[in-house]
Amino acid sequence: MSAAHALYPTVQLAAAEGASEHRPLIITLFAAFVVATLFITVWAGRQTKSASDFYAGGRQFTGFQNGLAVSGDYMSAASFLGIAGAIALFGYDGFLYSIGFLVAWLVALLLVAEPLRNSGRYTMGDVLAYRMRQRPVRTAAGTSTIVVSIFYLLAQMAGAGVLVSLLLGITSDFGKIVIVALVGILMILYVTIGGMKGTTWVQMVKAVLLIAGTLLITFLILLKFNFNISDLLGTAASNSGKGAAFLEPGLKYGATGVSKLDFISLGIALVLGTAGLPHILIRFYTVPTAKAARKSVNWAIGIIGAFYLMTIVLGFGAAAILKPDDIIASNKAGNTAAPLAALEIGGGSGSTGGAILLAVISAVAFATILAVVAGLTLASSSSFAHDIYANVIRKGQATEKEEVRAARWATVAIGIVSIALGALARDLNVAGLVALAFAVAASANLPTILYSLFWKRFTTQGALWSIYGGLASSVLLVLFSPVVSSKPSSMFPDIDFAWFPLENPGLISIPLGFLLGWVGSLISKEKADSDKYAELEVKSLTGVGAH
């Protein structure tokens, strides 16, 4: 057993003891957020009358409201917990997650956000099916949306298990699994009762709380170092035990040729992945006009940009005030670095300030998780109900009431699957798990979206090859990668069936997705409908005829 693992009960207990005197406060904060968001959900549920209300919130949100909700949807547990942990343990190489997520957001906005909003109605499948054969393309789009959402849900579930177990001093695996299950049940309630309206309001509240909480910790960390960034970085490097190497590339990605390739693969997945994430894309259907969509984009850029700058301070601050062994002992992947830093910066274990700050930051992180899982579940259940049930199984004959009922049942099923997989992924770094979701999204969804919007000769066969080929290759490579087996940090550390050396499949699966879409279209016997493409082009660029 390593020194870090030997320390596990001590550190977990220290965090728990730091909060134990104020356990009623902690439980009250958690309960207050859950009750408040459930109240919002029930209130929104009473106003959810139609399919448009359930899927798109009735398209009644303003640009500012949607920008806030988009930010809340995008700033996930990976951002708050995973990135801070990755920076605290790996310095510069962890900081690359912050840059990757921010640049990815800009790519999504420039390439697909507004054209998709103008072209679709409720889901990504609406855009893809506009000039293709409906049933096969909608089936593929629905399948891909559900798989990508479940990968992303894994990260949020893992974050929830780590966070609440740290706060309540739960060390048993069974206890963590129970926490994951409770998060799953809350997620199911949010979506089945509130639909898009309830989910959007929860995301807005969560965005405000997350920015406020992150700003508070950032301010306190900078105050501790007299707002001297150089001192902060120098202390972090010294405290890490790695010296100057902590502030230079190569600590995680660069020791070997394989790790360098892994870094390139990660970078490609992060930058291209957001533009294929269904739960982000459907947010642009909730505003009434293209102008409101652009305004929401501008608000989101400002909010998200500020947040990712603060995660850098959070991560290096945690490295400066905590020992790396303590971080690893609490959670092998570093996911508890931010809450532990909050405890320490507030006065340390046993102090009132530390306990209160730990409770506040943990409640904010929990709010983050609940809001994001609701958005993910809504995206996948909407795609199943609208694309697969209504347009494939019922061949367009389903009533709005039947469609919404199918979405609610799909939410329950997706919730159960997410709980089961989240229990297995509880010890993996949440930022790394989200990077996998990005890779699957960039491999399966992005090529098809871009070809549909911008390539006249794209055909149904090309779409199917691109979606299924990108999806199968990315999932297969993840399954046989060190993420799942062969390493102490793997999902199954005691067995080894990893033959693919990279932890992120993007380097192989993303180009393959684009290649398959291109080849499939070129050799297809079906001729692309140029008239439909012209209609889609005008609609996507101008918004004329958009819902």
Protein backbone atom coordinates (compact mmCIF):
# COMPACT_ATOMS: atom_id res chain seq x y z
CA MET A 1 0.00 0.00 0.00
CA SER A 2 1.38 3.44 -0.96
CA ALA A 3 1.85 6.22 1.56
CA ALA A 4 -0.98 8.10 -0.10
CA HIS A 5 -3.40 5.23 0.27
CA ALA A 6 -2.32 4.58 3.83
CA LEU A 7 -3.30 8.16 4.60
CA TYR A 8 -6.79 7.73 3.16
CA PRO A 9 -8.79 7.26 6.39
CA THR A 10 -6.83 10.05 8.09
CA VAL A 11 -7.47 12.62 5.39
CA GLN A 12 -11.06 11.57 4.85
CA LEU A 13 -11.56 11.81 8.61
CA ALA A 14 -9.87 15.21 8.74
CA ALA A 15 -12.27 16.61 6.18
CA ALA A 16 -15.19 14.98 7.97
CA GLU A 17 -14.03 16.29 11.36
CA GLY A 18 -13.58 19.75 9.86
CA ALA A 19 -17.24 19.65 9.00
CA SER A 20 -18.57 17.54 11.89
CA GLU A 21 -19.14 20.44 14.29
CA HIS A 22 -21.22 22.09 11.60
CA ARG A 23 -22.87 18.97 10.19
CA PRO A 24 -26.34 20.52 10.70
CA LEU A 25 -25.24 23.52 8.59
CA ILE A 26 -23.94 21.24 5.85
CA ILE A 27 -27.11 19.16 5.75
CA THR A 28 -29.21 22.34 5.84
CA LEU A 29 -27.34 23.83 2.84
CA PHE A 30 -27.70 20.64 0.82
CA ALA A 31 -31.35 20.26 1.78
CA ALA A 32 -32.10 23.94 1.05
CA PHE A 33 -30.75 23.64 -2.47
CA VAL A 34 -32.55 20.37 -3.16
CA VAL A 35 -35.86 21.69 -1.78
CA ALA A 36 -35.52 25.02 -3.64
CA THR A 37 -34.75 23.32 -6.96
CA LEU A 38 -37.55 20.79 -6.51
CA PHE A 39 -39.92 23.69 -5.83
CA ILE A 40 -38.75 25.38 -9.06
CA THR A 41 -39.19 22.08 -10.89
CA VAL A 42 -42.75 21.56 -9.66
CA TRP A 43 -43.63 25.18 -10.48
CA ALA A 44 -42.21 24.78 -14.01
CA GLY A 45 -43.90 21.40 -14.38
CA ARG A 46 -47.31 23.00 -13.89
CA GLN A 47 -46.58 25.25 -16.85
CA THR A 48 -45.38 22.40 -19.06
CA LYS A 49 -48.40 21.72 -21.24
CA SER A 50 -47.02 20.81 -24.67
CA ALA A 51 -44.09 19.06 -26.31
CA SER A 52 -42.57 22.48 -27.05
CA ASP A 53 -42.70 23.29 -23.32
CA PHE A 54 -41.11 19.96 -22.35
CA TYR A 55 -38.36 19.97 -25.01
CA ALA A 56 -37.64 23.69 -25.48
CA GLY A 57 -39.22 25.52 -22.54
CA GLY A 58 -41.82 27.01 -24.87
CA ARG A 59 -38.98 29.05 -26.47
CA GLN A 60 -39.72 31.76 -23.91
CA PHE A 61 -36.28 32.44 -22.40
CA THR A 62 -34.41 35.69 -23.04
CA GLY A 63 -30.85 35.87 -24.35
CA PHE A 64 -29.47 36.62 -20.88
CA GLN A 65 -31.48 33.84 -19.21
CA ASN A 66 -30.39 31.29 -21.81
CA GLY A 67 -26.77 32.49 -21.64
CA LEU A 68 -26.84 31.91 -17.90
CA ALA A 69 -28.44 28.47 -18.37
CA VAL A 70 -25.94 27.52 -21.12
CA SER A 71 -23.13 28.45 -18.72
CA GLY A 72 -24.77 26.37 -15.99
CA ASP A 73 -25.05 23.42 -18.37
CA TYR A 74 -21.45 23.69 -19.57
CA MET A 75 -19.65 24.34 -16.27
CA SER A 76 -19.90 20.82 -14.94
CA ALA A 77 -18.40 18.84 -12.07
CA ALA A 78 -15.47 18.21 -14.40
CA SER A 79 -14.82 21.94 -14.50
CA PHE A 80 -15.14 22.56 -10.79
CA LEU A 81 -13.75 19.37 -9.28
CA GLY A 82 -11.83 17.56 -12.02
CA ILE A 83 -9.83 20.46 -13.44
CA ALA A 84 -8.86 21.79 -10.01
CA GLY A 85 -7.72 18.27 -9.08
CA ALA A 86 -5.79 17.76 -12.32
CA ILE A 87 -3.95 21.09 -11.88
CA ALA A 88 -3.26 20.39 -8.19
CA LEU A 89 -1.62 17.05 -9.05
CA PHE A 90 -0.05 17.71 -12.48
CA GLY A 91 0.42 21.48 -12.66
CA TYR A 92 0.78 22.79 -16.19
CA ASP A 93 -0.54 19.59 -17.80
CA GLY A 94 -3.69 19.78 -15.68
CA PHE A 95 -4.14 23.44 -16.63
CA LEU A 96 -4.50 22.31 -20.26
CA TYR A 97 -8.00 21.05 -19.40
CA SER A 98 -9.06 24.64 -18.59
CA ILE A 99 -7.74 25.91 -21.92
CA GLY A 100 -9.21 22.98 -23.84
CA PHE A 101 -12.72 23.40 -22.43
CA LEU A 102 -12.68 27.17 -23.08
CA VAL A 103 -11.39 26.94 -26.67
CA ALA A 104 -13.88 24.13 -27.33
CA TRP A 105 -16.72 26.43 -26.38
CA LEU A 106 -15.60 29.05 -28.91
CA VAL A 107 -15.39 26.43 -31.68
CA ALA A 108 -18.94 25.28 -30.92
CA LEU A 109 -20.25 28.83 -31.11
CA LEU A 110 -18.46 29.75 -34.32
CA LEU A 111 -19.30 26.54 -36.19
CA VAL A 112 -22.66 25.16 -35.20
CA ALA A 113 -24.66 26.98 -32.50
CA GLU A 114 -26.69 29.43 -34.59
CA PRO A 115 -27.09 27.26 -37.76
CA LEU A 116 -28.39 24.41 -35.60
CA ARG A 117 -30.82 26.66 -33.75
CA ASN A 118 -32.16 27.98 -37.06
CA SER A 119 -32.42 24.55 -38.70
CA GLY A 120 -33.82 22.30 -35.98
CA ARG A 121 -36.85 22.09 -33.77
CA TYR A 122 -36.07 20.07 -30.64
CA THR A 123 -33.07 17.76 -31.24
CA MET A 124 -29.92 17.27 -33.28
CA GLY A 125 -31.84 14.60 -35.26
CA ASP A 126 -34.16 17.30 -36.66
CA VAL A 127 -31.23 18.91 -38.49
CA LEU A 128 -29.74 15.66 -39.76
CA ALA A 129 -33.09 14.33 -41.00
CA TYR A 130 -34.00 17.52 -42.88
CA ARG A 131 -32.47 16.35 -46.17
CA MET A 132 -31.89 12.65 -45.40
CA ARG A 133 -34.11 9.60 -45.06
CA GLN A 134 -35.88 10.19 -41.76
CA ARG A 135 -36.03 6.85 -39.99
CA PRO A 136 -32.44 5.54 -40.29
CA VAL A 137 -30.87 8.93 -39.60
CA ARG A 138 -33.09 9.69 -36.60
CA THR A 139 -32.36 6.23 -35.16
CA ALA A 140 -28.63 6.87 -35.49
CA ALA A 141 -28.87 10.40 -34.04
CA GLY A 142 -30.95 9.18 -31.08
CA THR A 143 -28.54 6.31 -30.36
CA SER A 144 -25.51 8.59 -30.50
CA THR A 145 -27.14 11.23 -28.28
CA ILE A 146 -27.96 8.66 -25.60
CA VAL A 147 -24.45 7.12 -25.61
CA VAL A 148 -22.68 10.51 -25.44
CA SER A 149 -25.00 11.69 -22.64
CA ILE A 150 -24.39 8.55 -20.59
CA PHE A 151 -20.60 8.98 -20.89
CA TYR A 152 -20.98 12.55 -19.64
CA LEU A 153 -23.36 11.45 -16.88
CA LEU A 154 -20.68 9.06 -15.58
CA ALA A 155 -18.47 12.03 -14.73
CA GLN A 156 -21.21 13.86 -12.85
CA MET A 157 -22.21 10.74 -10.90
CA ALA A 158 -18.59 10.04 -9.96
CA GLY A 159 -18.21 13.64 -8.79
CA ALA A 160 -21.35 13.41 -6.66
CA GLY A 161 -20.19 10.23 -4.94
CA VAL A 162 -16.79 11.69 -4.13
CA LEU A 163 -18.11 15.03 -2.94
CA VAL A 164 -20.88 13.92 -0.60
CA SER A 165 -18.85 11.03 0.83
CA LEU A 166 -16.03 13.47 1.64
CA LEU A 167 -18.43 15.84 3.34
CA LEU A 168 -20.28 13.24 5.37
CA GLY A 169 -17.19 11.16 6.16
CA ILE A 170 -18.44 8.11 4.23
CA THR A 171 -15.57 5.79 3.39
CA SER A 172 -17.38 2.63 2.36
CA ASP A 173 -17.97 1.80 -1.30
CA PHE A 174 -21.59 0.95 -0.51
CA GLY A 175 -22.15 4.42 0.96
CA LYS A 176 -20.77 6.07 -2.17
CA ILE A 177 -23.00 3.92 -4.37
CA VAL A 178 -26.05 4.98 -2.33
CA ILE A 179 -25.10 8.64 -2.89
CA VAL A 180 -24.81 8.05 -6.65
CA ALA A 181 -28.25 6.42 -6.59
CA LEU A 182 -29.79 9.38 -4.72
CA VAL A 183 -28.36 11.83 -7.27
CA GLY A 184 -29.84 9.67 -10.02
CA ILE A 185 -33.27 9.74 -8.39
CA LEU A 186 -33.16 13.55 -8.05
CA MET A 187 -32.12 13.83 -11.70
CA ILE A 188 -35.09 11.70 -12.79
CA LEU A 189 -37.47 13.88 -10.74
CA TYR A 190 -36.13 17.13 -12.22
CA VAL A 191 -36.62 16.02 -15.81
CA THR A 192 -39.87 14.05 -15.53
CA ILE A 193 -41.62 16.81 -13.57
CA GLY A 194 -40.08 20.03 -14.91
CA GLY A 195 -38.93 19.27 -18.46
CA MET A 196 -36.85 21.97 -20.14
CA LYS A 197 -38.47 24.82 -18.20
CA GLY A 198 -37.60 23.34 -14.81
CA THR A 199 -34.13 22.26 -15.96
CA THR A 200 -33.34 25.72 -17.35
CA TRP A 201 -34.29 27.52 -14.14
CA VAL A 202 -32.25 25.04 -12.07
CA GLN A 203 -29.27 25.67 -14.37
CA MET A 204 -29.61 29.44 -13.99
CA VAL A 205 -29.65 29.21 -10.18
CA LYS A 206 -26.71 26.83 -10.26
CA ALA A 207 -24.66 29.11 -12.56
CA VAL A 208 -25.06 32.05 -10.17
CA LEU A 209 -24.11 29.88 -7.16
CA LEU A 210 -21.09 28.35 -8.92
CA ILE A 211 -19.67 31.67 -10.09
CA ALA A 212 -20.20 33.20 -6.62
CA GLY A 213 -18.61 30.22 -4.83
CA THR A 214 -15.64 30.04 -7.21
CA LEU A 215 -15.12 33.80 -6.98
CA LEU A 216 -15.08 33.58 -3.18
CA ILE A 217 -12.45 30.82 -3.04
CA THR A 218 -10.37 32.50 -5.77
CA PHE A 219 -10.39 35.78 -3.82
CA LEU A 220 -9.40 34.06 -0.54
CA ILE A 221 -6.56 32.12 -2.21
CA LEU A 222 -5.20 35.25 -3.90
CA LEU A 223 -5.57 37.16 -0.60
CA LYS A 224 -3.46 34.52 1.16
CA PHE A 225 -0.65 35.20 -1.32
CA ASN A 226 -1.21 39.00 -1.31
CA PHE A 227 -2.51 38.80 -4.88
CA ASN A 228 1.00 37.87 -6.04
CA ILE A 229 0.56 35.24 -8.76
CA SER A 230 4.31 34.56 -8.85
CA ASP A 231 4.34 33.66 -5.13
CA LEU A 232 1.29 31.44 -5.60
CA LEU A 233 2.88 29.51 -8.49
CA GLY A 234 6.25 29.29 -6.73
CA THR A 235 4.69 27.88 -3.56
CA ALA A 236 2.61 25.42 -5.60
CA ALA A 237 5.72 24.17 -7.42
CA SER A 238 7.69 23.83 -4.19
CA ASN A 239 4.83 22.16 -2.30
CA SER A 240 4.16 19.69 -5.10
CA GLY A 241 7.54 18.03 -4.64
CA LYS A 242 8.16 18.36 -8.39
CA GLY A 243 9.87 21.76 -8.34
CA ALA A 244 10.05 23.74 -11.59
CA ALA A 245 8.76 20.72 -13.55
CA PHE A 246 5.34 21.35 -11.99
CA LEU A 247 5.02 24.58 -13.98
CA GLU A 248 6.31 23.10 -17.24
CA PRO A 249 4.74 20.76 -19.81
CA GLY A 250 5.35 17.03 -19.49
CA LEU A 251 4.50 16.00 -15.94
CA LYS A 252 1.47 13.97 -17.08
CA TYR A 253 1.80 14.14 -20.86
CA GLY A 254 5.38 13.99 -22.09
CA ALA A 255 7.30 11.31 -20.23
CA THR A 256 6.95 8.91 -23.18
CA GLY A 257 5.95 9.01 -26.84
CA VAL A 258 2.61 7.40 -25.93
CA SER A 259 1.79 10.09 -23.34
CA LYS A 260 2.59 12.82 -25.89
CA LEU A 261 0.19 11.20 -28.35
CA ASP A 262 -2.35 10.96 -25.53
CA PHE A 263 -2.05 14.70 -25.01
CA ILE A 264 -2.64 15.42 -28.71
CA SER A 265 -5.61 13.05 -28.64
CA LEU A 266 -7.02 14.79 -25.56
CA GLY A 267 -6.56 18.24 -27.11
CA ILE A 268 -8.37 17.29 -30.33
CA ALA A 269 -11.25 15.77 -28.36
CA LEU A 270 -11.63 18.80 -26.07
CA VAL A 271 -11.51 21.39 -28.85
CA LEU A 272 -13.92 19.58 -31.19
CA GLY A 273 -16.13 17.78 -28.69
CA THR A 274 -18.37 20.59 -27.45
CA ALA A 275 -19.77 21.21 -30.93
CA GLY A 276 -21.16 17.67 -30.84
CA LEU A 277 -22.55 17.60 -27.29
CA PRO A 278 -26.35 17.20 -27.51
CA HIS A 279 -27.18 18.77 -24.12
CA ILE A 280 -25.35 21.97 -25.11
CA LEU A 281 -26.80 22.12 -28.64
CA ILE A 282 -30.44 21.79 -27.56
CA ARG A 283 -30.09 24.82 -25.29
CA PHE A 284 -30.26 27.06 -28.35
CA TYR A 285 -33.80 25.84 -29.12
CA THR A 286 -35.13 27.53 -25.97
CA VAL A 287 -34.90 31.12 -27.28
CA PRO A 288 -37.50 32.70 -29.61
CA THR A 289 -35.19 34.20 -32.25
CA ALA A 290 -31.74 33.92 -33.81
CA LYS A 291 -30.94 37.35 -32.31
CA ALA A 292 -31.69 36.02 -28.83
CA ALA A 293 -29.48 32.99 -29.56
CA ARG A 294 -26.58 35.30 -30.46
CA LYS A 295 -27.15 37.35 -27.31
CA SER A 296 -27.16 34.20 -25.15
CA VAL A 297 -23.88 33.19 -26.80
CA ASN A 298 -22.27 36.50 -25.86
CA TRP A 299 -23.36 36.20 -22.23
CA ALA A 300 -22.16 32.59 -22.08
CA ILE A 301 -18.71 33.49 -23.45
CA GLY A 302 -18.19 36.08 -20.72
CA ILE A 303 -19.42 33.88 -17.87
CA ILE A 304 -17.61 30.73 -18.98
CA GLY A 305 -14.38 32.58 -19.77
CA ALA A 306 -14.28 34.16 -16.31
CA PHE A 307 -14.99 30.82 -14.66
CA TYR A 308 -12.19 28.93 -16.43
CA LEU A 309 -9.68 31.63 -15.51
CA MET A 310 -10.67 31.12 -11.88
CA THR A 311 -10.24 27.32 -12.07
CA ILE A 312 -6.54 27.96 -12.72
CA VAL A 313 -6.25 29.81 -9.40
CA LEU A 314 -8.28 27.07 -7.68
CA GLY A 315 -5.98 24.32 -8.95
CA PHE A 316 -2.64 25.99 -8.28
CA GLY A 317 -4.01 27.31 -4.98
CA ALA A 318 -4.89 23.78 -3.89
CA ALA A 319 -1.36 22.67 -4.85
CA ALA A 320 0.12 25.52 -2.82
CA ILE A 321 -1.80 24.93 0.41
CA LEU A 322 -2.28 21.13 0.38
CA LYS A 323 0.17 18.25 0.22
CA PRO A 324 -0.21 16.09 -2.92
CA ASP A 325 -0.38 12.93 -0.78
CA ASP A 326 -3.31 14.40 1.13
CA ILE A 327 -5.19 15.16 -2.08
CA ILE A 328 -4.56 11.67 -3.48
CA ALA A 329 -5.44 10.04 -0.17
CA SER A 330 -8.84 11.70 -0.16
CA ASN A 331 -9.50 10.79 -3.79
CA LYS A 332 -7.05 9.00 -6.10
CA ALA A 333 -7.97 11.19 -9.08
CA GLY A 334 -7.75 14.50 -7.17
CA ASN A 335 -11.46 15.33 -7.40
CA THR A 336 -11.60 16.63 -3.81
CA ALA A 337 -8.80 19.20 -4.19
CA ALA A 338 -11.16 22.20 -4.40
CA PRO A 339 -13.29 21.30 -1.33
CA LEU A 340 -10.17 20.44 0.70
CA ALA A 341 -8.62 23.77 -0.34
CA ALA A 342 -11.79 25.52 0.85
CA LEU A 343 -11.49 23.77 4.23
CA GLU A 344 -7.83 24.77 4.54
CA ILE A 345 -8.22 28.37 3.36
CA GLY A 346 -11.08 28.89 5.80
CA GLY A 347 -8.90 28.01 8.79
CA GLY A 348 -8.19 24.30 8.51
CA SER A 349 -9.67 21.15 10.02
CA GLY A 350 -11.68 21.86 13.17
CA SER A 351 -12.11 25.57 12.49
CA THR A 352 -15.55 27.16 12.11
CA GLY A 353 -14.50 29.13 9.03
CA GLY A 354 -13.08 26.04 7.34
CA ALA A 355 -16.17 23.97 8.06
CA ILE A 356 -18.52 26.68 6.78
CA LEU A 357 -16.47 27.25 3.62
CA LEU A 358 -16.24 23.50 2.98
CA ALA A 359 -20.01 23.21 3.37
CA VAL A 360 -20.72 26.14 1.04
CA ILE A 361 -18.33 25.02 -1.70
CA SER A 362 -19.49 21.41 -1.50
CA ALA A 363 -23.13 22.49 -1.71
CA VAL A 364 -22.27 24.62 -4.78
CA ALA A 365 -20.49 21.66 -6.39
CA PHE A 366 -23.46 19.43 -5.62
CA ALA A 367 -25.76 22.02 -7.22
CA THR A 368 -23.49 21.93 -10.27
CA ILE A 369 -23.80 18.18 -10.55
CA LEU A 370 -27.58 18.11 -10.19
CA ALA A 371 -28.10 20.84 -12.80
CA VAL A 372 -25.81 19.23 -15.37
CA VAL A 373 -27.21 15.72 -14.96
CA ALA A 374 -30.71 17.15 -15.47
CA GLY A 375 -29.61 18.77 -18.75
CA LEU A 376 -27.91 15.60 -19.96
CA THR A 377 -30.85 13.40 -19.10
CA LEU A 378 -33.27 15.77 -20.80
CA ALA A 379 -31.17 15.76 -23.99
CA SER A 380 -31.04 11.98 -24.20
CA SER A 381 -34.68 11.33 -23.22
CA SER A 382 -35.88 14.03 -25.66
CA SER A 383 -33.89 12.45 -28.46
CA PHE A 384 -35.32 9.02 -27.70
CA ALA A 385 -38.91 10.28 -27.56
CA HIS A 386 -38.77 12.73 -30.48
CA ASP A 387 -36.38 10.94 -32.85
CA ILE A 388 -36.78 7.24 -32.11
CA TYR A 389 -40.26 6.84 -30.58
CA ALA A 390 -42.28 9.50 -32.43
CA ASN A 391 -40.58 9.44 -35.84
CA VAL A 392 -39.24 5.88 -36.13
CA ILE A 393 -41.43 3.58 -34.02
CA ARG A 394 -44.69 5.55 -34.46
CA LYS A 395 -43.75 6.90 -37.93
CA GLY A 396 -44.79 10.45 -37.09
CA GLN A 397 -48.25 9.40 -35.81
CA ALA A 398 -47.63 9.92 -32.08
CA THR A 399 -49.53 12.69 -30.32
CA GLU A 400 -47.63 15.32 -28.30
CA LYS A 401 -48.96 13.77 -25.09
CA GLU A 402 -47.67 10.30 -26.07
CA GLU A 403 -44.31 11.76 -27.08
CA VAL A 404 -43.81 13.54 -23.75
CA ARG A 405 -44.88 10.41 -21.85
CA ALA A 406 -42.27 8.39 -23.78
CA ALA A 407 -39.64 11.02 -22.86
CA ARG A 408 -40.49 10.65 -19.17
CA TRP A 409 -40.20 6.86 -19.27
CA ALA A 410 -36.90 7.19 -21.18
CA THR A 411 -35.65 9.47 -18.38
CA VAL A 412 -36.26 6.72 -15.82
CA ALA A 413 -34.41 4.12 -17.94
CA ILE A 414 -31.44 6.41 -18.63
CA GLY A 415 -31.30 7.32 -14.94
CA ILE A 416 -31.05 3.66 -13.91
CA VAL A 417 -28.26 2.96 -16.42
CA SER A 418 -26.36 6.07 -15.27
CA ILE A 419 -26.61 5.06 -11.62
CA ALA A 420 -25.19 1.60 -12.37
CA LEU A 421 -22.28 2.91 -14.48
CA GLY A 422 -21.64 5.88 -12.16
CA ALA A 423 -21.14 3.47 -9.26
CA LEU A 424 -18.37 1.74 -11.23
CA ALA A 425 -16.69 5.03 -12.22
CA ARG A 426 -16.63 6.59 -8.74
CA ASP A 427 -12.80 6.63 -8.43
CA LEU A 428 -11.97 8.04 -11.89
CA ASN A 429 -11.03 11.70 -12.47
CA VAL A 430 -14.19 13.48 -13.58
CA ALA A 431 -12.35 15.77 -16.01
CA GLY A 432 -10.89 12.70 -17.70
CA LEU A 433 -14.34 11.09 -17.93
CA VAL A 434 -15.79 14.21 -19.53
CA ALA A 435 -12.91 14.24 -22.02
CA LEU A 436 -14.06 10.76 -23.09
CA ALA A 437 -17.59 12.07 -23.64
CA PHE A 438 -16.10 14.87 -25.74
CA ALA A 439 -14.18 12.32 -27.82
CA VAL A 440 -17.31 10.24 -28.50
CA ALA A 441 -19.31 13.39 -29.38
CA ALA A 442 -16.60 14.68 -31.71
CA SER A 443 -16.28 11.27 -33.40
CA ALA A 444 -19.96 10.46 -33.92
CA ASN A 445 -21.91 13.75 -33.96
CA LEU A 446 -19.63 16.54 -35.15
CA PRO A 447 -18.73 15.12 -38.62
CA THR A 448 -22.40 14.47 -39.39
CA ILE A 449 -23.52 17.92 -38.20
CA LEU A 450 -20.85 19.75 -40.22
CA TYR A 451 -21.40 17.68 -43.36
CA SER A 452 -25.17 18.18 -43.10
CA LEU A 453 -24.87 21.94 -42.75
CA PHE A 454 -22.03 22.65 -45.17
CA TRP A 455 -21.59 19.82 -47.76
CA LYS A 456 -24.06 19.56 -50.63
CA ARG A 457 -23.14 15.95 -51.59
CA PHE A 458 -23.66 14.46 -48.13
CA THR A 459 -26.06 11.50 -48.18
CA THR A 460 -27.99 9.27 -45.78
CA GLN A 461 -25.38 6.52 -46.15
CA GLY A 462 -22.61 8.98 -45.31
CA ALA A 463 -24.53 10.10 -42.21
CA LEU A 464 -25.03 6.52 -41.01
CA TRP A 465 -21.41 5.53 -41.63
CA SER A 466 -20.17 8.64 -39.85
CA ILE A 467 -22.41 8.32 -36.77
CA TYR A 468 -22.17 4.56 -36.26
CA GLY A 469 -18.50 4.36 -37.32
CA GLY A 470 -17.42 7.23 -35.08
CA LEU A 471 -19.53 5.96 -32.20
CA ALA A 472 -18.39 2.34 -32.43
CA SER A 473 -14.69 3.16 -32.87
CA SER A 474 -14.56 5.65 -29.98
CA VAL A 475 -16.49 3.44 -27.54
CA LEU A 476 -14.49 0.34 -28.54
CA LEU A 477 -11.15 2.11 -28.09
CA VAL A 478 -12.24 3.44 -24.68
CA LEU A 479 -13.34 -0.05 -23.63
CA PHE A 480 -9.91 -1.49 -24.43
CA SER A 481 -7.92 1.47 -23.08
CA PRO A 482 -6.20 2.02 -19.70
CA VAL A 483 -9.28 3.98 -18.58
CA VAL A 484 -11.17 0.71 -18.11
CA SER A 485 -8.43 -1.77 -17.12
CA SER A 486 -4.72 -2.35 -16.40
CA LYS A 487 -3.85 0.70 -14.21
CA PRO A 488 -4.42 1.48 -10.50
CA SER A 489 -6.63 4.40 -11.58
CA SER A 490 -8.69 2.30 -14.03
CA MET A 491 -12.35 1.37 -13.62
CA PHE A 492 -11.25 -2.29 -13.21
CA PRO A 493 -7.67 -2.02 -11.86
CA ASP A 494 -7.24 -5.71 -11.06
CA ILE A 495 -7.66 -7.02 -14.61
CA ASP A 496 -5.92 -6.17 -17.86
CA PHE A 497 -7.54 -6.30 -21.30
CA ALA A 498 -6.21 -2.94 -22.54
CA TRP A 499 -4.58 -3.24 -25.96
CA PHE A 500 -5.15 0.40 -27.02
CA PRO A 501 -2.38 2.45 -25.33
CA LEU A 502 -4.04 5.91 -25.28
CA GLU A 503 -6.51 7.02 -22.61
CA ASN A 504 -8.38 9.22 -25.08
CA PRO A 505 -9.47 7.76 -28.46
CA GLY A 506 -9.93 11.10 -30.27
CA LEU A 507 -6.72 10.90 -32.32
CA ILE A 508 -8.06 7.80 -34.11
CA SER A 509 -11.85 7.97 -33.86
CA ILE A 510 -12.45 11.64 -34.82
CA PRO A 511 -10.62 11.52 -38.20
CA LEU A 512 -12.28 8.12 -38.78
CA GLY A 513 -15.74 9.65 -38.25
CA PHE A 514 -15.03 12.36 -40.84
CA LEU A 515 -13.47 9.86 -43.26
CA LEU A 516 -16.40 7.42 -43.05
CA GLY A 517 -18.91 10.22 -43.69
CA TRP A 518 -16.99 11.33 -46.76
CA VAL A 519 -16.40 7.84 -48.20
CA GLY A 520 -19.97 6.71 -47.42
CA SER A 521 -21.39 9.68 -49.33
CA LEU A 522 -19.07 9.29 -52.32
CA ILE A 523 -19.84 5.60 -52.90
CA SER A 524 -23.55 5.90 -52.10
CA LYS A 525 -25.98 5.03 -54.92
CA GLU A 526 -28.38 7.60 -53.50
CA LYS A 527 -28.06 11.10 -54.94
CA ALA A 528 -28.02 14.03 -52.50
CA ASP A 529 -31.09 16.28 -52.71
CA SER A 530 -29.62 19.62 -53.85
CA ASP A 531 -32.95 21.45 -53.47
CA LYS A 532 -33.28 20.34 -49.84
CA TYR A 533 -29.67 21.36 -49.21
CA ALA A 534 -30.38 24.84 -50.62
CA GLU A 535 -33.42 25.16 -48.33
CA LEU A 536 -31.39 24.05 -45.31
CA GLU A 537 -28.57 26.46 -46.17
CA VAL A 538 -30.91 29.46 -46.34
CA LYS A 539 -32.72 28.39 -43.18
CA SER A 540 -29.52 27.78 -41.18
CA LEU A 541 -27.93 31.09 -42.18
CA THR A 542 -30.95 33.38 -41.96
CA GLY A 543 -33.40 31.71 -39.57
CA VAL A 544 -36.20 32.06 -42.11
CA GLY A 545 -38.83 29.44 -41.33
CA ALA A 546 -37.17 28.44 -38.05
CA HIS A 547 -39.48 27.28 -35.24
